[in-house]
């Protein structure tokens, strides 16, 4: 799979290649389309297309976990990941972030 993106400032097209399988997509009320791809190691990437701008959300090229999908892309997580995905909940503790478990 490859995704081409265009940046408005420099008008350059960048092609990003990765191996993955399209799982599904969701379009919000602002007509932004979020396409979910499954990649190796039970991770995901999301292609975001706002019409005149698009990009690939990869979590710094590491891939997104199911919990991260629940936090940042809840519609995709609920519709395509299967069981209920609880989002990450981060609480500031002065020296960074701490994960809080949901029960």
PDB file of N, CA and C in Angstrom:
ATOM      1  N   UNK A   1       0.849  -1.165   0.000  1.00  0.00           N
ATOM      2  CA  UNK A   1       0.000   0.000   0.000  1.00  0.00           C
ATOM      3  C   UNK A   1       0.885   1.214   0.000  1.00  0.00           C
ATOM      4  N   UNK A   2       0.575   2.196  -0.783  1.00  0.00           N
ATOM      5  CA  UNK A   2       1.293   3.458  -0.740  1.00  0.00           C
ATOM      6  C   UNK A   2       0.272   4.586  -0.707  1.00  0.00           C
ATOM      7  N   UNK A   3       0.638   5.631  -0.026  1.00  0.00           N
ATOM      8  CA  UNK A   3      -0.243   6.782   0.128  1.00  0.00           C
ATOM      9  C   UNK A   3       0.539   8.018  -0.283  1.00  0.00           C
ATOM     10  N   UNK A   4      -0.012   8.808  -1.176  1.00  0.00           N
ATOM     11  CA  UNK A   4       0.644  10.037  -1.595  1.00  0.00           C
ATOM     12  C   UNK A   4       0.019  11.203  -0.845  1.00  0.00           C
ATOM     13  N   UNK A   5       0.859  12.080  -0.335  1.00  0.00           N
ATOM     14  CA  UNK A   5       0.368  13.267   0.353  1.00  0.00           C
ATOM     15  C   UNK A   5       0.987  14.499  -0.280  1.00  0.00           C
ATOM     16  N   UNK A   6       0.261  15.589  -0.264  1.00  0.00           N
ATOM     17  CA  UNK A   6       0.750  16.841  -0.830  1.00  0.00           C
ATOM     18  C   UNK A   6       0.779  17.879   0.287  1.00  0.00           C
ATOM     19  N   UNK A   7       1.913  18.542   0.437  1.00  0.00           N
ATOM     20  CA  UNK A   7       1.999  19.615   1.415  1.00  0.00           C
ATOM     21  C   UNK A   7       1.794  20.933   0.700  1.00  0.00           C
ATOM     22  N   UNK A   8       0.974  21.796   1.295  1.00  0.00           N
ATOM     23  CA  UNK A   8       0.590  23.037   0.636  1.00  0.00           C
ATOM     24  C   UNK A   8       1.757  24.004   0.488  1.00  0.00           C
ATOM     25  N   UNK A   9       2.639  24.082   1.465  1.00  0.00           N
ATOM     26  CA  UNK A   9       3.734  25.043   1.427  1.00  0.00           C
ATOM     27  C   UNK A   9       4.690  24.803   0.267  1.00  0.00           C
ATOM     28  N   UNK A  10       5.118  23.579   0.091  1.00  0.00           N
ATOM     29  CA  UNK A  10       6.123  23.318  -0.929  1.00  0.00           C
ATOM     30  C   UNK A  10       5.562  22.608  -2.152  1.00  0.00           C
ATOM     31  N   UNK A  11       4.297  22.207  -2.096  1.00  0.00           N
ATOM     32  CA  UNK A  11       3.657  21.518  -3.209  1.00  0.00           C
ATOM     33  C   UNK A  11       4.441  20.299  -3.664  1.00  0.00           C
ATOM     34  N   UNK A  12       4.950  19.521  -2.719  1.00  0.00           N
ATOM     35  CA  UNK A  12       5.655  18.287  -3.036  1.00  0.00           C
ATOM     36  C   UNK A  12       4.762  17.103  -2.720  1.00  0.00           C
ATOM     37  N   UNK A  13       4.856  16.085  -3.540  1.00  0.00           N
ATOM     38  CA  UNK A  13       4.137  14.847  -3.282  1.00  0.00           C
ATOM     39  C   UNK A  13       5.105  13.867  -2.652  1.00  0.00           C
ATOM     40  N   UNK A  14       4.667  13.267  -1.558  1.00  0.00           N
ATOM     41  CA  UNK A  14       5.483  12.292  -0.847  1.00  0.00           C
ATOM     42  C   UNK A  14       4.747  10.973  -0.880  1.00  0.00           C
ATOM     43  N   UNK A  15       5.425   9.920  -1.280  1.00  0.00           N
ATOM     44  CA  UNK A  15       4.821   8.594  -1.299  1.00  0.00           C
ATOM     45  C   UNK A  15       5.349   7.801  -0.122  1.00  0.00           C
ATOM     46  N   UNK A  16       4.418   7.275   0.674  1.00  0.00           N
ATOM     47  CA  UNK A  16       4.772   6.475   1.837  1.00  0.00           C
ATOM     48  C   UNK A  16       4.346   5.043   1.560  1.00  0.00           C
ATOM     49  N   UNK A  17       5.286   4.108   1.680  1.00  0.00           N
ATOM     50  CA  UNK A  17       4.972   2.700   1.441  1.00  0.00           C
ATOM     51  C   UNK A  17       5.030   1.931   2.754  1.00  0.00           C
ATOM     52  N   UNK A  18       4.053   1.065   2.926  1.00  0.00           N
ATOM     53  CA  UNK A  18       4.034   0.190   4.085  1.00  0.00           C
ATOM     54  C   UNK A  18       3.233  -1.055   3.723  1.00  0.00           C
ATOM     55  N   UNK A  19       3.462  -2.124   4.470  1.00  0.00           N
ATOM     56  CA  UNK A  19       2.702  -3.343   4.252  1.00  0.00           C
ATOM     57  C   UNK A  19       1.584  -3.397   5.257  1.00  0.00           C
ATOM     58  N   UNK A  20       0.374  -3.520   4.765  1.00  0.00           N
ATOM     59  CA  UNK A  20      -0.772  -3.573   5.646  1.00  0.00           C
ATOM     60  C   UNK A  20      -2.020  -3.926   4.873  1.00  0.00           C
ATOM     61  N   UNK A  21      -3.064  -4.184   5.628  1.00  0.00           N
ATOM     62  CA  UNK A  21      -4.339  -4.548   5.026  1.00  0.00           C
ATOM     63  C   UNK A  21      -5.392  -3.537   5.462  1.00  0.00           C
ATOM     64  N   UNK A  22      -6.159  -3.022   4.500  1.00  0.00           N
ATOM     65  CA  UNK A  22      -7.200  -2.063   4.838  1.00  0.00           C
ATOM     66  C   UNK A  22      -8.293  -2.773   5.624  1.00  0.00           C
ATOM     67  N   UNK A  23      -8.613  -2.218   6.788  1.00  0.00           N
ATOM     68  CA  UNK A  23      -9.608  -2.809   7.668  1.00  0.00           C
ATOM     69  C   UNK A  23     -10.960  -2.129   7.476  1.00  0.00           C
ATOM     70  N   UNK A  24     -10.960  -0.810   7.306  1.00  0.00           N
ATOM     71  CA  UNK A  24     -12.198  -0.077   7.122  1.00  0.00           C
ATOM     72  C   UNK A  24     -11.945   1.411   7.138  1.00  0.00           C
ATOM     73  N   UNK A  25     -13.008   2.186   6.931  1.00  0.00           N
ATOM     74  CA  UNK A  25     -12.855   3.640   6.948  1.00  0.00           C
ATOM     75  C   UNK A  25     -14.091   4.285   7.548  1.00  0.00           C
ATOM     76  N   UNK A  26     -13.929   5.536   7.933  1.00  0.00           N
ATOM     77  CA  UNK A  26     -14.979   6.314   8.570  1.00  0.00           C
ATOM     78  C   UNK A  26     -14.856   7.750   8.067  1.00  0.00           C
ATOM     79  N   UNK A  27     -15.968   8.374   7.720  1.00  0.00           N
ATOM     80  CA  UNK A  27     -15.974   9.773   7.305  1.00  0.00           C
ATOM     81  C   UNK A  27     -16.803  10.561   8.306  1.00  0.00           C
ATOM     82  N   UNK A  28     -16.223  11.631   8.847  1.00  0.00           N
ATOM     83  CA  UNK A  28     -16.922  12.421   9.861  1.00  0.00           C
ATOM     84  C   UNK A  28     -17.764  13.525   9.227  1.00  0.00           C
ATOM     85  N   UNK A  29     -18.388  14.350  10.068  1.00  0.00           N
ATOM     86  CA  UNK A  29     -19.280  15.408   9.595  1.00  0.00           C
ATOM     87  C   UNK A  29     -18.557  16.506   8.830  1.00  0.00           C
ATOM     88  N   UNK A  30     -17.237  16.632   9.026  1.00  0.00           N
ATOM     89  CA  UNK A  30     -16.442  17.629   8.310  1.00  0.00           C
ATOM     90  C   UNK A  30     -15.923  17.079   6.989  1.00  0.00           C
ATOM     91  N   UNK A  31     -16.365  15.865   6.634  1.00  0.00           N
ATOM     92  CA  UNK A  31     -15.970  15.174   5.409  1.00  0.00           C
ATOM     93  C   UNK A  31     -14.501  14.741   5.415  1.00  0.00           C
ATOM     94  N   UNK A  32     -13.949  14.541   6.597  1.00  0.00           N
ATOM     95  CA  UNK A  32     -12.605  13.984   6.729  1.00  0.00           C
ATOM     96  C   UNK A  32     -12.742  12.469   6.768  1.00  0.00           C
ATOM     97  N   UNK A  33     -11.947  11.772   5.955  1.00  0.00           N
ATOM     98  CA  UNK A  33     -12.001  10.316   5.909  1.00  0.00           C
ATOM     99  C   UNK A  33     -10.803   9.731   6.630  1.00  0.00           C
ATOM    100  N   UNK A  34     -11.079   8.789   7.509  1.00  0.00           N
ATOM    101  CA  UNK A  34     -10.057   8.080   8.281  1.00  0.00           C
ATOM    102  C   UNK A  34     -10.083   6.633   7.817  1.00  0.00           C
ATOM    103  N   UNK A  35      -8.965   6.159   7.257  1.00  0.00           N
ATOM    104  CA  UNK A  35      -8.899   4.785   6.778  1.00  0.00           C
ATOM    105  C   UNK A  35      -7.936   4.006   7.658  1.00  0.00           C
ATOM    106  N   UNK A  36      -8.416   2.899   8.211  1.00  0.00           N
ATOM    107  CA  UNK A  36      -7.654   2.081   9.147  1.00  0.00           C
ATOM    108  C   UNK A  36      -6.974   0.935   8.411  1.00  0.00           C
ATOM    109  N   UNK A  37      -5.673   0.767   8.671  1.00  0.00           N
ATOM    110  CA  UNK A  37      -4.903  -0.336   8.106  1.00  0.00           C
ATOM    111  C   UNK A  37      -4.301  -1.157   9.237  1.00  0.00           C
ATOM    112  N   UNK A  38      -4.370  -2.469   9.089  1.00  0.00           N
ATOM    113  CA  UNK A  38      -3.719  -3.383  10.014  1.00  0.00           C
ATOM    114  C   UNK A  38      -2.317  -3.652   9.489  1.00  0.00           C
ATOM    115  N   UNK A  39      -1.314  -3.518  10.370  1.00  0.00           N
ATOM    116  CA  UNK A  39       0.081  -3.767   9.990  1.00  0.00           C
ATOM    117  C   UNK A  39       0.637  -4.851  10.912  1.00  0.00           C
ATOM    118  N   UNK A  40       1.821  -5.385  10.625  1.00  0.00           N
ATOM    119  CA  UNK A  40       2.367  -6.467  11.454  1.00  0.00           C
ATOM    120  C   UNK A  40       2.438  -6.134  12.939  1.00  0.00           C
ATOM    121  N   UNK A  41       2.515  -7.167  13.752  1.00  0.00           N
ATOM    122  CA  UNK A  41       2.639  -7.077  15.212  1.00  0.00           C
ATOM    123  C   UNK A  41       1.374  -6.556  15.889  1.00  0.00           C
ATOM    124  N   UNK A  42       0.197  -6.839  15.307  1.00  0.00           N
ATOM    125  CA  UNK A  42      -1.094  -6.431  15.888  1.00  0.00           C
ATOM    126  C   UNK A  42      -1.180  -4.924  16.112  1.00  0.00           C
ATOM    127  N   UNK A  43      -0.647  -4.153  15.173  1.00  0.00           N
ATOM    128  CA  UNK A  43      -0.678  -2.698  15.243  1.00  0.00           C
ATOM    129  C   UNK A  43      -1.460  -2.148  14.065  1.00  0.00           C
ATOM    130  N   UNK A  44      -1.706  -0.841  14.087  1.00  0.00           N
ATOM    131  CA  UNK A  44      -2.495  -0.184  13.062  1.00  0.00           C
ATOM    132  C   UNK A  44      -1.858   1.139  12.656  1.00  0.00           C
ATOM    133  N   UNK A  45      -2.181   1.606  11.458  1.00  0.00           N
ATOM    134  CA  UNK A  45      -1.890   2.967  11.021  1.00  0.00           C
ATOM    135  C   UNK A  45      -3.190   3.523  10.444  1.00  0.00           C
ATOM    136  N   UNK A  46      -3.313   4.848  10.466  1.00  0.00           N
ATOM    137  CA  UNK A  46      -4.530   5.495   9.985  1.00  0.00           C
ATOM    138  C   UNK A  46      -4.158   6.551   8.952  1.00  0.00           C
ATOM    139  N   UNK A  47      -4.770   6.463   7.774  1.00  0.00           N
ATOM    140  CA  UNK A  47      -4.611   7.491   6.754  1.00  0.00           C
ATOM    141  C   UNK A  47      -5.742   8.492   6.943  1.00  0.00           C
ATOM    142  N   UNK A  48      -5.384   9.764   7.129  1.00  0.00           N
ATOM    143  CA  UNK A  48      -6.354  10.834   7.339  1.00  0.00           C
ATOM    144  C   UNK A  48      -6.386  11.680   6.074  1.00  0.00           C
ATOM    145  N   UNK A  49      -7.569  11.850   5.500  1.00  0.00           N
ATOM    146  CA  UNK A  49      -7.721  12.629   4.271  1.00  0.00           C
ATOM    147  C   UNK A  49      -8.741  13.733   4.504  1.00  0.00           C
ATOM    148  N   UNK A  50      -8.250  14.975   4.537  1.00  0.00           N
ATOM    149  CA  UNK A  50      -9.126  16.143   4.729  1.00  0.00           C
ATOM    150  C   UNK A  50      -9.479  16.807   3.406  1.00  0.00           C
ATOM    151  N   UNK A  51      -9.257  16.146   2.300  1.00  0.00           N
ATOM    152  CA  UNK A  51      -9.560  16.719   0.991  1.00  0.00           C
ATOM    153  C   UNK A  51      -8.342  17.342   0.362  1.00  0.00           C
ATOM    154  N   UNK A  52      -7.955  18.541   0.848  1.00  0.00           N
ATOM    155  CA  UNK A  52      -6.785  19.205   0.279  1.00  0.00           C
ATOM    156  C   UNK A  52      -5.515  18.881   1.054  1.00  0.00           C
ATOM    157  N   UNK A  53      -5.629  18.110   2.111  1.00  0.00           N
ATOM    158  CA  UNK A  53      -4.470  17.714   2.907  1.00  0.00           C
ATOM    159  C   UNK A  53      -4.687  16.296   3.416  1.00  0.00           C
ATOM    160  N   UNK A  54      -3.631  15.483   3.394  1.00  0.00           N
ATOM    161  CA  UNK A  54      -3.746  14.128   3.926  1.00  0.00           C
ATOM    162  C   UNK A  54      -2.416  13.698   4.530  1.00  0.00           C
ATOM    163  N   UNK A  55      -2.489  12.761   5.474  1.00  0.00           N
ATOM    164  CA  UNK A  55      -1.279  12.274   6.133  1.00  0.00           C
ATOM    165  C   UNK A  55      -1.539  10.900   6.721  1.00  0.00           C
ATOM    166  N   UNK A  56      -0.476  10.273   7.171  1.00  0.00           N
ATOM    167  CA  UNK A  56      -0.537   8.935   7.756  1.00  0.00           C
ATOM    168  C   UNK A  56      -0.174   9.035   9.229  1.00  0.00           C
ATOM    169  N   UNK A  57      -1.082   8.607  10.105  1.00  0.00           N
ATOM    170  CA  UNK A  57      -0.830   8.580  11.545  1.00  0.00           C
ATOM    171  C   UNK A  57      -0.174   7.242  11.873  1.00  0.00           C
ATOM    172  N   UNK A  58       1.075   7.304  12.338  1.00  0.00           N
ATOM    173  CA  UNK A  58       1.836   6.071  12.566  1.00  0.00           C
ATOM    174  C   UNK A  58       2.410   5.935  13.963  1.00  0.00           C
ATOM    175  N   UNK A  59       2.185   6.923  14.831  1.00  0.00           N
ATOM    176  CA  UNK A  59       2.796   6.924  16.168  1.00  0.00           C
ATOM    177  C   UNK A  59       4.313   6.873  16.047  1.00  0.00           C
ATOM    178  N   UNK A  60       4.860   7.785  15.291  1.00  0.00           N
ATOM    179  CA  UNK A  60       6.318   7.835  15.136  1.00  0.00           C
ATOM    180  C   UNK A  60       6.890   6.612  14.447  1.00  0.00           C
ATOM    181  N   UNK A  61       6.171   6.081  13.487  1.00  0.00           N
ATOM    182  CA  UNK A  61       6.559   4.905  12.696  1.00  0.00           C
ATOM    183  C   UNK A  61       6.510   3.616  13.509  1.00  0.00           C
ATOM    184  N   UNK A  62       5.905   3.635  14.702  1.00  0.00           N
ATOM    185  CA  UNK A  62       5.820   2.436  15.534  1.00  0.00           C
ATOM    186  C   UNK A  62       4.505   1.691  15.350  1.00  0.00           C
ATOM    187  N   UNK A  63       3.487   2.352  14.843  1.00  0.00           N
ATOM    188  CA  UNK A  63       2.164   1.756  14.739  1.00  0.00           C
ATOM    189  C   UNK A  63       1.342   2.105  15.967  1.00  0.00           C
ATOM    190  N   UNK A  64       0.040   2.035  15.823  1.00  0.00           N
ATOM    191  CA  UNK A  64      -0.888   2.366  16.897  1.00  0.00           C
ATOM    192  C   UNK A  64      -1.439   1.081  17.508  1.00  0.00           C
ATOM    193  N   UNK A  65      -1.461   0.994  18.829  1.00  0.00           N
ATOM    194  CA  UNK A  65      -2.057  -0.157  19.509  1.00  0.00           C
ATOM    195  C   UNK A  65      -3.579   0.007  19.504  1.00  0.00           C
ATOM    196  N   UNK A  66      -4.300  -1.037  19.919  1.00  0.00           N
ATOM    197  CA  UNK A  66      -5.752  -0.934  20.014  1.00  0.00           C
ATOM    198  C   UNK A  66      -6.155   0.150  21.004  1.00  0.00           C
ATOM    199  N   UNK A  67      -5.439   0.273  22.108  1.00  0.00           N
ATOM    200  CA  UNK A  67      -5.739   1.307  23.092  1.00  0.00           C
ATOM    201  C   UNK A  67      -5.554   2.704  22.532  1.00  0.00           C
ATOM    202  N   UNK A  68      -4.510   2.884  21.730  1.00  0.00           N
ATOM    203  CA  UNK A  68      -4.281   4.188  21.108  1.00  0.00           C
ATOM    204  C   UNK A  68      -5.393   4.506  20.114  1.00  0.00           C
ATOM    205  N   UNK A  69      -5.854   3.484  19.373  1.00  0.00           N
ATOM    206  CA  UNK A  69      -6.976   3.709  18.462  1.00  0.00           C
ATOM    207  C   UNK A  69      -8.201   4.172  19.239  1.00  0.00           C
ATOM    208  N   UNK A  70      -8.454   3.544  20.391  1.00  0.00           N
ATOM    209  CA  UNK A  70      -9.592   3.926  21.210  1.00  0.00           C
ATOM    210  C   UNK A  70      -9.502   5.358  21.694  1.00  0.00           C
ATOM    211  N   UNK A  71      -8.285   5.839  21.914  1.00  0.00           N
ATOM    212  CA  UNK A  71      -8.079   7.206  22.378  1.00  0.00           C
ATOM    213  C   UNK A  71      -8.207   8.220  21.255  1.00  0.00           C
ATOM    214  N   UNK A  72      -7.501   7.987  20.159  1.00  0.00           N
ATOM    215  CA  UNK A  72      -7.390   8.988  19.099  1.00  0.00           C
ATOM    216  C   UNK A  72      -8.386   8.807  17.951  1.00  0.00           C
ATOM    217  N   UNK A  73      -8.849   7.579  17.739  1.00  0.00           N
ATOM    218  CA  UNK A  73      -9.782   7.293  16.646  1.00  0.00           C
ATOM    219  C   UNK A  73     -10.873   6.349  17.151  1.00  0.00           C
ATOM    220  N   UNK A  74     -11.700   6.806  18.103  1.00  0.00           N
ATOM    221  CA  UNK A  74     -12.677   5.909  18.717  1.00  0.00           C
ATOM    222  C   UNK A  74     -13.689   5.309  17.740  1.00  0.00           C
ATOM    223  N   UNK A  75     -14.072   6.060  16.699  1.00  0.00           N
ATOM    224  CA  UNK A  75     -15.033   5.525  15.733  1.00  0.00           C
ATOM    225  C   UNK A  75     -14.441   4.323  14.998  1.00  0.00           C
ATOM    226  N   UNK A  76     -13.171   4.418  14.621  1.00  0.00           N
ATOM    227  CA  UNK A  76     -12.518   3.294  13.941  1.00  0.00           C
ATOM    228  C   UNK A  76     -12.365   2.108  14.884  1.00  0.00           C
ATOM    229  N   UNK A  77     -11.967   2.380  16.114  1.00  0.00           N
ATOM    230  CA  UNK A  77     -11.766   1.307  17.089  1.00  0.00           C
ATOM    231  C   UNK A  77     -13.064   0.555  17.350  1.00  0.00           C
ATOM    232  N   UNK A  78     -14.139   1.285  17.577  1.00  0.00           N
ATOM    233  CA  UNK A  78     -15.418   0.649  17.877  1.00  0.00           C
ATOM    234  C   UNK A  78     -15.977  -0.116  16.684  1.00  0.00           C
ATOM    235  N   UNK A  79     -15.793   0.416  15.483  1.00  0.00           N
ATOM    236  CA  UNK A  79     -16.387  -0.199  14.302  1.00  0.00           C
ATOM    237  C   UNK A  79     -15.585  -1.377  13.751  1.00  0.00           C
ATOM    238  N   UNK A  80     -14.254  -1.358  13.895  1.00  0.00           N
ATOM    239  CA  UNK A  80     -13.457  -2.323  13.152  1.00  0.00           C
ATOM    240  C   UNK A  80     -12.507  -3.187  13.968  1.00  0.00           C
ATOM    241  N   UNK A  81     -12.318  -2.911  15.255  1.00  0.00           N
ATOM    242  CA  UNK A  81     -11.326  -3.672  16.007  1.00  0.00           C
ATOM    243  C   UNK A  81     -11.945  -4.861  16.741  1.00  0.00           C
ATOM    244  N   UNK A  82     -13.238  -4.988  16.747  1.00  0.00           N
ATOM    245  CA  UNK A  82     -13.841  -6.168  17.364  1.00  0.00           C
ATOM    246  C   UNK A  82     -14.374  -5.875  18.738  1.00  0.00           C
ATOM    247  N   UNK A  83     -13.734  -6.433  19.770  1.00  0.00           N
ATOM    248  CA  UNK A  83     -14.243  -6.217  21.110  1.00  0.00           C
ATOM    249  C   UNK A  83     -14.077  -4.759  21.517  1.00  0.00           C
ATOM    250  N   UNK A  84     -14.750  -4.416  22.605  1.00  0.00           N
ATOM    251  CA  UNK A  84     -14.692  -3.029  23.081  1.00  0.00           C
ATOM    252  C   UNK A  84     -13.264  -2.654  23.408  1.00  0.00           C
ATOM    253  N   UNK A  85     -12.822  -1.534  22.861  1.00  0.00           N
ATOM    254  CA  UNK A  85     -11.473  -1.041  23.101  1.00  0.00           C
ATOM    255  C   UNK A  85     -11.563   0.137  24.052  1.00  0.00           C
ATOM    256  N   UNK A  86     -10.866   0.037  25.178  1.00  0.00           N
ATOM    257  CA  UNK A  86     -10.844   1.137  26.124  1.00  0.00           C
ATOM    258  C   UNK A  86      -9.718   2.076  25.762  1.00  0.00           C
ATOM    259  N   UNK A  87     -10.004   3.372  25.702  1.00  0.00           N
ATOM    260  CA  UNK A  87      -8.947   4.327  25.362  1.00  0.00           C
ATOM    261  C   UNK A  87      -7.932   4.454  26.487  1.00  0.00           C
ATOM    262  N   UNK A  88      -6.749   4.877  26.118  1.00  0.00           N
ATOM    263  CA  UNK A  88      -5.730   5.203  27.107  1.00  0.00           C
ATOM    264  C   UNK A  88      -6.197   6.433  27.866  1.00  0.00           C
ATOM    265  N   UNK A  89      -5.930   6.479  29.140  1.00  0.00           N
ATOM    266  CA  UNK A  89      -6.252   7.655  29.931  1.00  0.00           C
ATOM    267  C   UNK A  89      -4.973   8.069  30.640  1.00  0.00           C
ATOM    268  N   UNK A  90      -4.439   9.209  30.289  1.00  0.00           N
ATOM    269  CA  UNK A  90      -3.168   9.648  30.832  1.00  0.00           C
ATOM    270  C   UNK A  90      -3.397  10.740  31.873  1.00  0.00           C
ATOM    271  N   UNK A  91      -2.703  10.614  32.990  1.00  0.00           N
ATOM    272  CA  UNK A  91      -2.806  11.579  34.069  1.00  0.00           C
ATOM    273  C   UNK A  91      -1.438  12.175  34.304  1.00  0.00           C
ATOM    274  N   UNK A  92      -1.340  13.498  34.272  1.00  0.00           N
ATOM    275  CA  UNK A  92      -0.059  14.153  34.509  1.00  0.00           C
ATOM    276  C   UNK A  92       0.372  13.966  35.954  1.00  0.00           C
ATOM    277  N   UNK A  93       1.652  13.626  36.168  1.00  0.00           N
ATOM    278  CA  UNK A  93       2.155  13.455  37.524  1.00  0.00           C
ATOM    279  C   UNK A  93       3.397  14.296  37.772  1.00  0.00           C
ATOM    280  N   UNK A  94       3.606  15.312  36.935  1.00  0.00           N
ATOM    281  CA  UNK A  94       4.743  16.195  37.128  1.00  0.00           C
ATOM    282  C   UNK A  94       6.005  15.733  36.435  1.00  0.00           C
ATOM    283  N   UNK A  95       6.156  14.429  36.240  1.00  0.00           N
ATOM    284  CA  UNK A  95       7.382  13.934  35.618  1.00  0.00           C
ATOM    285  C   UNK A  95       7.093  13.125  34.373  1.00  0.00           C
ATOM    286  N   UNK A  96       5.941  13.314  33.786  1.00  0.00           N
ATOM    287  CA  UNK A  96       5.580  12.565  32.594  1.00  0.00           C
ATOM    288  C   UNK A  96       4.149  12.098  32.704  1.00  0.00           C
ATOM    289  N   UNK A  97       3.791  11.099  31.921  1.00  0.00           N
ATOM    290  CA  UNK A  97       2.437  10.595  31.919  1.00  0.00           C
ATOM    291  C   UNK A  97       2.398   9.198  32.508  1.00  0.00           C
ATOM    292  N   UNK A  98       1.275   8.873  33.069  1.00  0.00           N
ATOM    293  CA  UNK A  98       1.080   7.581  33.700  1.00  0.00           C
ATOM    294  C   UNK A  98      -0.194   6.972  33.133  1.00  0.00           C
ATOM    295  N   UNK A  99      -0.164   5.705  32.792  1.00  0.00           N
ATOM    296  CA  UNK A  99      -1.313   5.019  32.262  1.00  0.00           C
ATOM    297  C   UNK A  99      -2.237   4.614  33.398  1.00  0.00           C
ATOM    298  N   UNK A 100      -3.521   4.863  33.239  1.00  0.00           N
ATOM    299  CA  UNK A 100      -4.504   4.494  34.249  1.00  0.00           C
ATOM    300  C   UNK A 100      -5.351   3.377  33.681  1.00  0.00           C
ATOM    301  N   UNK A 101      -5.452   2.248  34.369  1.00  0.00           N
ATOM    302  CA  UNK A 101      -6.254   1.123  33.918  1.00  0.00           C
ATOM    303  C   UNK A 101      -7.730   1.367  34.177  1.00  0.00           C
ATOM    304  N   UNK A 102      -8.569   0.971  33.207  1.00  0.00           N
ATOM    305  CA  UNK A 102     -10.012   1.061  33.352  1.00  0.00           C
ATOM    306  C   UNK A 102     -10.530  -0.289  33.797  1.00  0.00           C
ATOM    307  N   UNK A 103     -11.507  -0.314  34.659  1.00  0.00           N
ATOM    308  CA  UNK A 103     -12.111  -1.573  35.099  1.00  0.00           C
ATOM    309  C   UNK A 103     -13.606  -1.458  34.973  1.00  0.00           C
TER     310      UNK A 103
END
